[in-house]
Amino acid sequence: MKKTKNSIFEIIKYLNEKGFIVKKKKKLKTGENGLENISRTFISSLIIISFFFITPLAINLTKGKMIFSKEYENNSKNNLKKLLENKKTKLDEKLNKKFLYEDILTFDEQPSDAILLSAATIEELFKSTNYNLADVRKNKLVKPISLDLLPKEIVKIENTKKRKDFFIQIILPLVIDENNSIKLDRMKLFSVLNKSKNTKTEQVWLNMKFKQYGVVNKDLSTLKVRMDEVPVSMAIAQAAKETGWGTSRFAQEGNALFGQWTWNGDGIKPSDAKDDSTHKVMRFNVLQASVKAYQRNLNTHSSYKDFRSARAELRDEGKKLDSMILSEYLDKYAETGKEYVKILQQIIRQNNLTDFDDAKLLPSSKDLESLI
């Protein structure tokens, strides 16, 4: 062993003399460096594996939050506020008049068993069913009494309050019933739009509504703006103004509650119209058709675009349809303009007509509580 050791030293000495540097390797503690390298390798591998495992989960979680967030749901229902504020957006601009009143005329022309009841008979009917306005104001429930014709004797009711209440009792169920139909349509519309794929039946229904509301290019945003109800108090006020609380010739002869003009078909020519005037007041077989035509008129005619825009903003802000606010946009309904608006608002206030805005029609009132 000693001889071997000396030989090694001699070799090292010789290599140093030749310019080679020979150093003694440092002895490591048993297992120390090996364990350290293994640990580092294991931790590095774990980090890399974890990164590739967790990243997809994080991405999916983020997507999940977006899908179920309120903001995403609102987008699916199309927040109209942005559209209304964007002046460049051509919302509710064009109108296809071809099919506007086709369904209403078909409804009005259906065989009817309408009977002209006397005012006394109608009053007795109201009493026997316990239908009175005081009860409606308190309980917000309206008896489903639908009359087809106005009684001739309403003109002879001298007591102003009695005549007004009688007229309201006749008109109120008709207006609420039409609003209910529109509510159901709106409910179906949002249900259809919230689906990723629609059935052929739903597509046919949508196309029918595009025609009824004169929507061009199947613009869903325009349909949502137009397919909406009219405040009950505003409708009653306009019917009262246009018919003199049911006493006008147009109301008595043609069931025309809202004095809508027509240039086609059968109508009633105003007595004060000029000789060269071609317009007439629309005539209907039943009162309900007049209410339907009135609603369709406000919901489609270009003169009431601002009314529809204001109504859509109230909807977007989660507010109720306020007749005092919305009536401000009916100045084009009559030639008297702003004076007409003042009269409407006066009728609403003096007769407390807003009491009927949240009234529901029996027996379907419970089913309608959850509607838009």
Protein backbone atom coordinates (compact mmCIF):
# COMPACT_ATOMS: atom_id res chain seq x y z
CA MET A 1 0.00 0.00 0.00
CA LYS A 2 2.82 2.38 0.92
CA LYS A 3 4.56 1.69 -2.39
CA THR A 4 1.36 2.43 -4.31
CA LYS A 5 0.83 5.70 -2.39
CA ASN A 6 4.37 6.90 -3.18
CA SER A 7 3.86 6.04 -6.85
CA ILE A 8 0.72 8.17 -7.00
CA PHE A 9 2.53 11.13 -5.47
CA GLU A 10 5.33 10.75 -7.97
CA ILE A 11 2.86 10.73 -10.86
CA ILE A 12 1.17 13.86 -9.56
CA LYS A 13 4.54 15.57 -9.12
CA TYR A 14 5.50 14.64 -12.66
CA LEU A 15 2.22 16.00 -14.10
CA ASN A 16 2.61 19.26 -12.19
CA GLU A 17 6.11 19.70 -13.60
CA LYS A 18 4.66 19.25 -17.09
CA GLY A 19 2.09 22.03 -16.48
CA PHE A 20 -0.96 19.95 -15.62
CA ILE A 21 -2.96 20.91 -12.53
CA VAL A 22 -4.14 18.01 -10.52
CA LYS A 23 -6.50 18.68 -7.58
CA LYS A 24 -7.88 16.31 -5.04
CA LYS A 25 -11.60 15.73 -5.39
CA LYS A 26 -13.56 16.84 -2.37
CA LYS A 27 -15.26 13.94 -0.61
CA LEU A 28 -19.01 14.33 -0.18
CA LYS A 29 -21.02 13.23 2.75
CA THR A 30 -22.77 9.99 2.07
CA GLY A 31 -26.25 10.52 0.43
CA GLU A 32 -26.35 14.30 0.99
CA ASN A 33 -25.99 15.54 -2.60
CA GLY A 34 -27.95 12.66 -4.07
CA LEU A 35 -30.97 13.30 -1.93
CA GLU A 36 -30.81 17.02 -2.65
CA ASN A 37 -30.78 16.46 -6.41
CA ILE A 38 -33.65 13.97 -6.20
CA SER A 39 -35.72 16.40 -4.11
CA ARG A 40 -35.16 19.26 -6.52
CA THR A 41 -36.04 17.10 -9.50
CA PHE A 42 -39.21 15.82 -7.78
CA ILE A 43 -40.39 19.32 -6.79
CA SER A 44 -39.71 20.72 -10.27
CA SER A 45 -41.62 17.87 -11.86
CA LEU A 46 -44.50 18.33 -9.44
CA ILE A 47 -44.72 22.06 -10.23
CA ILE A 48 -44.74 21.42 -13.98
CA ILE A 49 -47.37 18.69 -13.71
CA SER A 50 -49.52 20.84 -11.41
CA PHE A 51 -49.33 23.78 -13.79
CA PHE A 52 -50.60 21.78 -16.75
CA PHE A 53 -53.29 20.16 -14.60
CA ILE A 54 -54.60 23.27 -12.83
CA THR A 55 -54.53 25.69 -15.78
CA PRO A 56 -57.36 23.99 -17.76
CA LEU A 57 -59.45 23.80 -14.60
CA ALA A 58 -58.95 27.52 -13.95
CA ILE A 59 -59.92 28.36 -17.53
CA ASN A 60 -63.06 26.22 -17.32
CA LEU A 61 -63.99 27.75 -13.98
CA THR A 62 -63.67 31.24 -15.44
CA LYS A 63 -65.84 30.27 -18.37
CA GLY A 64 -68.39 28.78 -16.00
CA LYS A 65 -68.63 32.02 -14.05
CA MET A 66 -69.18 33.93 -17.29
CA ILE A 67 -71.89 31.55 -18.45
CA PHE A 68 -73.88 31.70 -15.24
CA SER A 69 -73.25 35.36 -14.47
CA LYS A 70 -76.14 37.84 -14.51
CA GLU A 71 -74.36 39.92 -17.10
CA TYR A 72 -74.33 37.05 -19.57
CA GLU A 73 -78.03 36.34 -18.97
CA ASN A 74 -78.85 39.99 -19.55
CA ASN A 75 -77.00 39.90 -22.83
CA SER A 76 -79.10 36.94 -23.92
CA LYS A 77 -82.20 39.02 -23.25
CA ASN A 78 -80.63 41.96 -25.05
CA ASN A 79 -80.26 45.02 -22.85
CA LEU A 80 -82.28 47.61 -24.74
CA LYS A 81 -80.80 50.58 -22.94
CA LYS A 82 -77.63 50.52 -25.05
CA LEU A 83 -79.66 50.24 -28.22
CA LEU A 84 -81.90 53.13 -27.22
CA GLU A 85 -78.97 55.36 -26.31
CA ASN A 86 -77.11 54.58 -29.52
CA LYS A 87 -78.40 57.11 -32.03
CA LYS A 88 -76.81 55.23 -34.90
CA THR A 89 -78.85 52.11 -34.17
CA LYS A 90 -81.87 51.93 -36.46
CA LEU A 91 -84.19 50.50 -33.84
CA ASP A 92 -87.94 50.59 -34.47
CA GLU A 93 -87.38 52.51 -37.69
CA LYS A 94 -89.04 50.74 -40.61
CA LEU A 95 -92.60 49.45 -40.80
CA ASN A 96 -94.19 46.85 -43.05
CA LYS A 97 -97.88 47.79 -43.13
CA LYS A 98 -99.03 44.87 -45.28
CA PHE A 99 -100.13 42.52 -42.48
CA LEU A 100 -100.52 44.99 -39.57
CA TYR A 101 -104.25 44.57 -38.92
CA GLU A 102 -104.87 41.30 -40.75
CA ASP A 103 -105.32 39.23 -37.56
CA ILE A 104 -107.49 41.92 -35.97
CA LEU A 105 -109.78 42.16 -38.99
CA THR A 106 -110.06 38.36 -39.04
CA PHE A 107 -110.99 38.44 -35.35
CA ASP A 108 -113.55 41.18 -35.93
CA GLU A 109 -115.14 39.36 -38.87
CA GLN A 110 -115.68 36.11 -36.99
CA PRO A 111 -119.32 35.07 -36.56
CA SER A 112 -120.56 36.71 -33.37
CA ASP A 113 -123.58 36.21 -31.17
CA ALA A 114 -123.25 39.77 -29.93
CA ILE A 115 -126.45 41.07 -28.42
CA LEU A 116 -127.13 44.72 -27.78
CA LEU A 117 -127.95 44.81 -24.09
CA SER A 118 -129.69 47.73 -22.49
CA ALA A 119 -127.93 49.81 -19.86
CA ALA A 120 -130.39 48.53 -17.24
CA THR A 121 -129.59 44.89 -18.11
CA ILE A 122 -125.86 45.54 -17.93
CA GLU A 123 -126.20 47.28 -14.58
CA GLU A 124 -128.13 44.30 -13.25
CA LEU A 125 -125.40 42.00 -14.56
CA PHE A 126 -122.75 44.01 -12.75
CA LYS A 127 -124.73 43.90 -9.50
CA SER A 128 -125.44 40.17 -9.68
CA THR A 129 -121.73 39.43 -10.13
CA ASN A 130 -120.71 41.98 -7.48
CA TYR A 131 -118.64 43.88 -10.03
CA ASN A 132 -118.08 47.45 -8.88
CA LEU A 133 -115.15 49.86 -9.12
CA ALA A 134 -114.83 50.37 -5.37
CA ASP A 135 -114.11 46.66 -4.95
CA VAL A 136 -111.66 46.71 -7.90
CA ARG A 137 -109.73 49.63 -6.42
CA LYS A 138 -109.43 47.74 -3.14
CA ASN A 139 -108.79 44.15 -4.23
CA LYS A 140 -107.32 44.79 -7.73
CA LEU A 141 -109.47 42.03 -9.23
CA VAL A 142 -111.77 42.55 -12.22
CA LYS A 143 -114.69 40.30 -13.11
CA PRO A 144 -114.26 38.83 -16.63
CA ILE A 145 -117.36 40.46 -18.09
CA SER A 146 -116.76 41.10 -21.78
CA LEU A 147 -119.40 43.13 -23.60
CA ASP A 148 -119.40 43.35 -27.39
CA LEU A 149 -121.44 46.54 -27.78
CA LEU A 150 -122.01 49.77 -25.95
CA PRO A 151 -125.59 50.31 -24.73
CA LYS A 152 -127.49 53.10 -26.45
CA GLU A 153 -128.84 54.32 -23.11
CA ILE A 154 -125.43 55.39 -21.86
CA VAL A 155 -126.09 58.69 -23.60
CA LYS A 156 -129.17 59.22 -21.39
CA ILE A 157 -127.37 58.71 -18.06
CA GLU A 158 -127.46 62.27 -16.72
CA ASN A 159 -125.39 61.69 -13.58
CA THR A 160 -121.81 62.32 -14.76
CA LYS A 161 -120.10 60.11 -12.15
CA LYS A 162 -122.51 57.27 -12.76
CA ARG A 163 -121.98 57.47 -16.53
CA LYS A 164 -118.18 57.55 -16.13
CA ASP A 165 -118.12 54.58 -13.75
CA PHE A 166 -120.44 52.64 -16.04
CA PHE A 167 -118.18 53.32 -19.03
CA ILE A 168 -115.06 52.31 -17.09
CA GLN A 169 -116.71 49.06 -15.97
CA ILE A 170 -117.38 48.17 -19.62
CA ILE A 171 -113.95 49.12 -20.97
CA LEU A 172 -111.72 47.91 -18.11
CA PRO A 173 -112.00 44.12 -18.72
CA LEU A 174 -111.43 44.62 -22.45
CA VAL A 175 -108.20 46.58 -21.95
CA ILE A 176 -106.82 44.18 -19.35
CA ASP A 177 -107.69 41.20 -21.54
CA GLU A 178 -105.73 42.64 -24.46
CA ASN A 179 -102.79 43.44 -22.18
CA ASN A 180 -102.89 39.86 -20.94
CA SER A 181 -102.59 38.58 -24.51
CA ILE A 182 -99.55 40.78 -25.07
CA LYS A 183 -98.02 39.69 -21.76
CA LEU A 184 -98.33 36.07 -22.78
CA ASP A 185 -96.76 36.86 -26.14
CA ARG A 186 -93.84 38.64 -24.44
CA MET A 187 -93.37 35.69 -22.12
CA LYS A 188 -93.25 33.32 -25.08
CA LEU A 189 -90.91 35.65 -26.98
CA PHE A 190 -88.32 35.70 -24.20
CA SER A 191 -88.66 31.94 -23.79
CA VAL A 192 -87.96 31.44 -27.49
CA LEU A 193 -85.01 33.83 -27.50
CA ASN A 194 -83.38 32.15 -24.52
CA LYS A 195 -83.15 28.84 -26.38
CA SER A 196 -80.10 27.94 -28.43
CA LYS A 197 -82.30 26.23 -31.01
CA ASN A 198 -85.96 26.77 -31.81
CA THR A 199 -88.53 24.34 -33.13
CA LYS A 200 -90.33 24.86 -36.43
CA THR A 201 -93.47 25.76 -34.51
CA GLU A 202 -91.60 28.51 -32.64
CA GLN A 203 -90.10 29.81 -35.87
CA VAL A 204 -93.55 29.97 -37.46
CA TRP A 205 -94.85 31.84 -34.40
CA LEU A 206 -91.99 34.35 -34.59
CA ASN A 207 -92.60 35.00 -38.28
CA MET A 208 -96.28 35.58 -37.53
CA LYS A 209 -95.41 38.16 -34.86
CA PHE A 210 -92.98 39.91 -37.21
CA LYS A 211 -95.90 40.37 -39.62
CA GLN A 212 -98.38 41.49 -36.96
CA TYR A 213 -96.02 44.16 -35.66
CA GLY A 214 -94.72 45.19 -39.07
CA VAL A 215 -91.13 44.27 -38.23
CA VAL A 216 -88.72 44.49 -41.16
CA ASN A 217 -85.76 42.09 -41.61
CA LYS A 218 -86.89 40.00 -38.63
CA ASP A 219 -85.32 42.49 -36.21
CA LEU A 220 -85.83 40.96 -32.75
CA SER A 221 -84.91 44.16 -30.90
CA THR A 222 -87.65 46.05 -32.71
CA LEU A 223 -90.14 43.28 -31.98
CA LYS A 224 -89.37 43.48 -28.25
CA VAL A 225 -89.90 47.23 -28.26
CA ARG A 226 -93.20 47.01 -30.11
CA MET A 227 -94.67 43.93 -28.45
CA ASP A 228 -95.63 45.47 -25.12
CA GLU A 229 -98.72 46.54 -23.23
CA VAL A 230 -100.33 49.96 -22.80
CA PRO A 231 -101.07 51.23 -19.26
CA VAL A 232 -104.71 50.60 -18.41
CA SER A 233 -105.23 54.12 -17.06
CA MET A 234 -103.93 55.68 -20.28
CA ALA A 235 -106.12 53.48 -22.48
CA ILE A 236 -109.25 54.29 -20.47
CA ALA A 237 -108.43 58.01 -20.54
CA GLN A 238 -108.03 57.97 -24.33
CA ALA A 239 -111.25 56.00 -24.81
CA ALA A 240 -113.07 58.48 -22.56
CA LYS A 241 -111.65 61.46 -24.45
CA GLU A 242 -112.31 60.04 -27.92
CA THR A 243 -115.89 58.91 -27.20
CA GLY A 244 -117.10 61.44 -24.65
CA TRP A 245 -117.35 58.60 -22.11
CA GLY A 246 -119.16 56.37 -24.60
CA THR A 247 -121.62 58.90 -26.01
CA SER A 248 -120.05 59.76 -29.39
CA ARG A 249 -121.54 58.74 -32.75
CA PHE A 250 -118.39 56.78 -33.59
CA ALA A 251 -118.72 54.72 -30.42
CA GLN A 252 -122.44 54.15 -30.77
CA GLU A 253 -122.51 53.36 -34.49
CA GLY A 254 -119.16 51.67 -34.99
CA ASN A 255 -117.79 50.52 -31.62
CA ALA A 256 -114.91 52.92 -32.27
CA LEU A 257 -113.45 53.63 -28.85
CA PHE A 258 -110.26 55.40 -29.91
CA GLY A 259 -111.15 57.39 -33.01
CA GLN A 260 -108.61 55.71 -35.29
CA TRP A 261 -108.55 56.94 -38.87
CA THR A 262 -108.67 54.81 -41.97
CA TRP A 263 -108.36 55.51 -45.69
CA ASN A 264 -109.47 52.06 -46.77
CA GLY A 265 -112.59 49.99 -46.38
CA ASP A 266 -115.67 50.74 -44.36
CA GLY A 267 -115.60 53.59 -41.91
CA ILE A 268 -117.57 56.49 -40.46
CA LYS A 269 -116.95 59.89 -41.99
CA PRO A 270 -116.70 62.69 -39.40
CA SER A 271 -119.49 65.24 -39.70
CA ASP A 272 -117.02 68.12 -39.50
CA ALA A 273 -114.67 66.68 -42.12
CA LYS A 274 -113.88 68.79 -45.18
CA ASP A 275 -115.49 67.84 -48.47
CA ASP A 276 -112.17 66.87 -50.04
CA SER A 277 -111.16 64.80 -47.00
CA THR A 278 -110.87 61.06 -47.64
CA HIS A 279 -110.25 59.77 -44.14
CA LYS A 280 -112.85 58.00 -42.04
CA VAL A 281 -113.03 56.66 -38.48
CA MET A 282 -112.53 52.90 -38.30
CA ARG A 283 -115.65 50.86 -37.66
CA PHE A 284 -115.68 47.59 -35.70
CA ASN A 285 -118.23 44.83 -35.13
CA VAL A 286 -117.21 44.33 -31.48
CA LEU A 287 -115.54 46.51 -28.85
CA GLN A 288 -112.63 44.11 -28.30
CA ALA A 289 -111.50 44.56 -31.91
CA SER A 290 -111.35 48.30 -31.34
CA VAL A 291 -109.10 47.79 -28.30
CA LYS A 292 -106.85 45.44 -30.28
CA ALA A 293 -106.53 47.93 -33.14
CA TYR A 294 -105.72 50.74 -30.69
CA GLN A 295 -102.95 48.73 -29.06
CA ARG A 296 -101.52 47.75 -32.45
CA ASN A 297 -101.62 51.39 -33.57
CA LEU A 298 -99.61 52.65 -30.58
CA ASN A 299 -97.21 49.73 -30.90
CA THR A 300 -96.38 50.21 -34.58
CA HIS A 301 -97.12 53.66 -35.99
CA SER A 302 -94.12 55.93 -36.51
CA SER A 303 -95.90 58.79 -34.71
CA TYR A 304 -95.60 56.88 -31.43
CA LYS A 305 -91.99 55.78 -31.71
CA ASP A 306 -90.99 58.07 -28.80
CA PHE A 307 -93.78 56.53 -26.71
CA ARG A 308 -92.39 53.05 -27.36
CA SER A 309 -88.83 54.19 -26.67
CA ALA A 310 -89.85 55.71 -23.31
CA ARG A 311 -91.75 52.54 -22.44
CA ALA A 312 -88.72 50.38 -23.28
CA GLU A 313 -86.52 52.53 -21.03
CA LEU A 314 -88.95 52.09 -18.13
CA ARG A 315 -88.83 48.34 -18.74
CA ASP A 316 -85.04 48.34 -18.88
CA GLU A 317 -84.84 50.23 -15.58
CA GLY A 318 -87.24 47.80 -13.90
CA LYS A 319 -89.93 50.47 -13.40
CA LYS A 320 -93.67 50.18 -13.88
CA LEU A 321 -95.33 51.63 -16.95
CA ASP A 322 -96.34 55.08 -15.70
CA SER A 323 -99.24 56.54 -17.71
CA MET A 324 -98.40 60.09 -16.62
CA ILE A 325 -94.92 59.71 -18.09
CA LEU A 326 -95.90 57.81 -21.23
CA SER A 327 -98.85 60.05 -22.08
CA GLU A 328 -96.36 62.87 -22.63
CA TYR A 329 -95.46 61.17 -25.91
CA LEU A 330 -99.01 61.10 -27.32
CA ASP A 331 -99.03 64.69 -28.58
CA LYS A 332 -99.25 63.39 -32.18
CA TYR A 333 -102.41 61.40 -31.48
CA ALA A 334 -104.58 64.49 -32.02
CA GLU A 335 -104.24 67.77 -33.88
CA THR A 336 -104.30 69.68 -30.58
CA GLY A 337 -100.88 68.24 -29.65
CA LYS A 338 -99.72 69.10 -26.14
CA GLU A 339 -103.20 70.29 -25.21
CA TYR A 340 -104.44 66.76 -25.90
CA VAL A 341 -101.79 65.40 -23.52
CA LYS A 342 -102.89 67.78 -20.78
CA ILE A 343 -106.50 66.66 -21.14
CA LEU A 344 -105.50 62.99 -20.93
CA GLN A 345 -103.49 63.56 -17.78
CA GLN A 346 -106.33 65.55 -16.27
CA ILE A 347 -108.75 62.68 -16.95
CA ILE A 348 -106.33 60.22 -15.36
CA ARG A 349 -105.88 62.32 -12.22
CA GLN A 350 -109.48 63.41 -11.70
CA ASN A 351 -110.83 59.88 -12.04
CA ASN A 352 -107.99 58.12 -10.20
CA LEU A 353 -107.51 55.81 -13.18
CA THR A 354 -104.04 54.67 -12.06
CA ASP A 355 -105.86 52.58 -9.44
CA PHE A 356 -106.58 50.15 -12.26
CA ASP A 357 -103.05 49.84 -13.65
CA ASP A 358 -102.19 46.85 -11.48
CA ALA A 359 -105.65 45.26 -11.58
CA LYS A 360 -105.91 41.67 -12.81
CA LEU A 361 -108.66 39.91 -14.66
CA LEU A 362 -110.35 36.93 -13.01
CA PRO A 363 -110.12 33.97 -13.13
CA SER A 364 -106.68 33.96 -14.75
CA SER A 365 -105.16 36.62 -12.49
CA LYS A 366 -103.06 34.16 -10.43
CA ASP A 367 -101.49 32.74 -13.58
CA LEU A 368 -100.43 36.21 -14.68
CA GLU A 369 -98.68 37.32 -11.50
CA SER A 370 -95.29 36.04 -12.69
CA LEU A 371 -95.52 37.48 -16.18
CA ILE A 372 -93.34 40.35 -17.43
